Amino acid sequence: MLVPVRCFTCGNLIADKMSAYKRELKAGRESREILDSLGLHRYCCRRMLLTTVETIHQVIPFYEAMHKRNEETRREII
């Protein structure tokens, strides 16, 4: 996952808190409690963790489709 290193707005360090955030979410705690315990009190910093997306899961289907299309094209040429 690509996590921003710093908050885009205030420059606060964010990346080091992501693993603890995910671990606590899996444990069943609320996001609000987790962010408070991590010391993220500004809305801009909270946004950075709440809106981070597993980008690799979004990219893989496009890569697979592109690879499949390239294979089909190669078969048509041969």
Protein backbone atom coordinates (compact mmCIF):
# COMPACT_ATOMS: atom_id res chain seq x y z
CA MET A 1 0.00 0.00 0.00
CA LEU A 2 1.23 3.47 -0.75
CA VAL A 3 0.83 5.56 2.37
CA PRO A 4 1.76 9.23 2.23
CA VAL A 5 4.80 9.90 4.38
CA ARG A 6 3.50 13.23 5.59
CA CYS A 7 0.15 14.96 5.81
CA PHE A 8 -0.41 16.99 2.67
CA THR A 9 -1.77 19.95 4.63
CA CYS A 10 0.31 20.34 7.79
CA GLY A 11 3.34 18.12 7.13
CA ASN A 12 2.85 15.90 10.18
CA LEU A 13 4.47 12.46 9.92
CA ILE A 14 1.78 9.90 9.00
CA ALA A 15 3.37 6.78 7.48
CA ASP A 16 4.74 5.41 10.74
CA LYS A 17 1.24 5.25 12.22
CA MET A 18 -0.41 3.23 9.45
CA SER A 19 0.57 -0.25 10.66
CA ALA A 20 -0.68 0.47 14.19
CA TYR A 21 -3.90 1.90 12.75
CA LYS A 22 -4.58 -1.21 10.64
CA ARG A 23 -3.71 -3.55 13.50
CA GLU A 24 -6.12 -1.77 15.86
CA LEU A 25 -8.88 -1.75 13.23
CA LYS A 26 -8.58 -5.52 12.87
CA ALA A 27 -8.79 -5.81 16.67
CA GLY A 28 -12.21 -4.16 16.47
CA ARG A 29 -11.58 -0.70 17.88
CA GLU A 30 -13.31 2.39 16.50
CA SER A 31 -11.39 4.65 14.13
CA ARG A 32 -11.96 7.68 16.34
CA GLU A 33 -10.40 5.97 19.35
CA ILE A 34 -7.45 4.69 17.34
CA LEU A 35 -6.68 8.07 15.81
CA ASP A 36 -6.86 9.73 19.23
CA SER A 37 -4.50 7.16 20.74
CA LEU A 38 -2.04 7.66 17.85
CA GLY A 39 -1.99 11.40 18.56
CA LEU A 40 -3.72 12.44 15.35
CA HIS A 41 -6.02 15.21 16.50
CA ARG A 42 -6.10 17.40 13.38
CA TYR A 43 -8.72 16.68 10.76
CA CYS A 44 -6.19 16.90 7.96
CA CYS A 45 -4.02 14.16 9.48
CA ARG A 46 -7.00 11.95 10.26
CA ARG A 47 -8.10 12.25 6.66
CA MET A 48 -4.76 10.88 5.49
CA LEU A 49 -5.28 7.55 7.26
CA LEU A 50 -9.03 7.30 6.77
CA THR A 51 -8.89 7.81 3.00
CA THR A 52 -5.81 5.76 2.13
CA VAL A 53 -6.78 2.98 -0.28
CA GLU A 54 -5.09 -0.30 -1.03
CA THR A 55 -3.96 0.94 -4.44
CA ILE A 56 -2.44 -2.36 -5.51
CA HIS A 57 -5.90 -3.97 -5.46
CA GLN A 58 -7.13 -1.26 -7.81
CA VAL A 59 -4.21 -1.59 -10.23
CA ILE A 60 -4.01 -5.40 -10.52
CA PRO A 61 -7.23 -5.87 -12.59
CA PHE A 62 -6.00 -3.35 -15.17
CA TYR A 63 -2.62 -5.00 -15.36
CA GLU A 64 -4.19 -8.44 -15.79
CA ALA A 65 -6.52 -7.15 -18.50
CA MET A 66 -3.60 -5.52 -20.32
CA HIS A 67 -1.55 -8.71 -20.09
CA LYS A 68 -4.47 -10.80 -21.39
CA ARG A 69 -4.99 -8.40 -24.32
CA ASN A 70 -1.28 -8.55 -25.21
CA GLU A 71 -1.40 -12.35 -25.21
CA GLU A 72 -4.47 -12.32 -27.47
CA THR A 73 -2.76 -9.92 -29.86
CA ARG A 74 0.35 -12.09 -30.01
CA ARG A 75 -1.74 -15.17 -30.80
CA GLU A 76 -3.53 -13.32 -33.63
CA ILE A 77 -0.23 -12.26 -35.18
CA ILE A 78 1.27 -15.75 -35.12
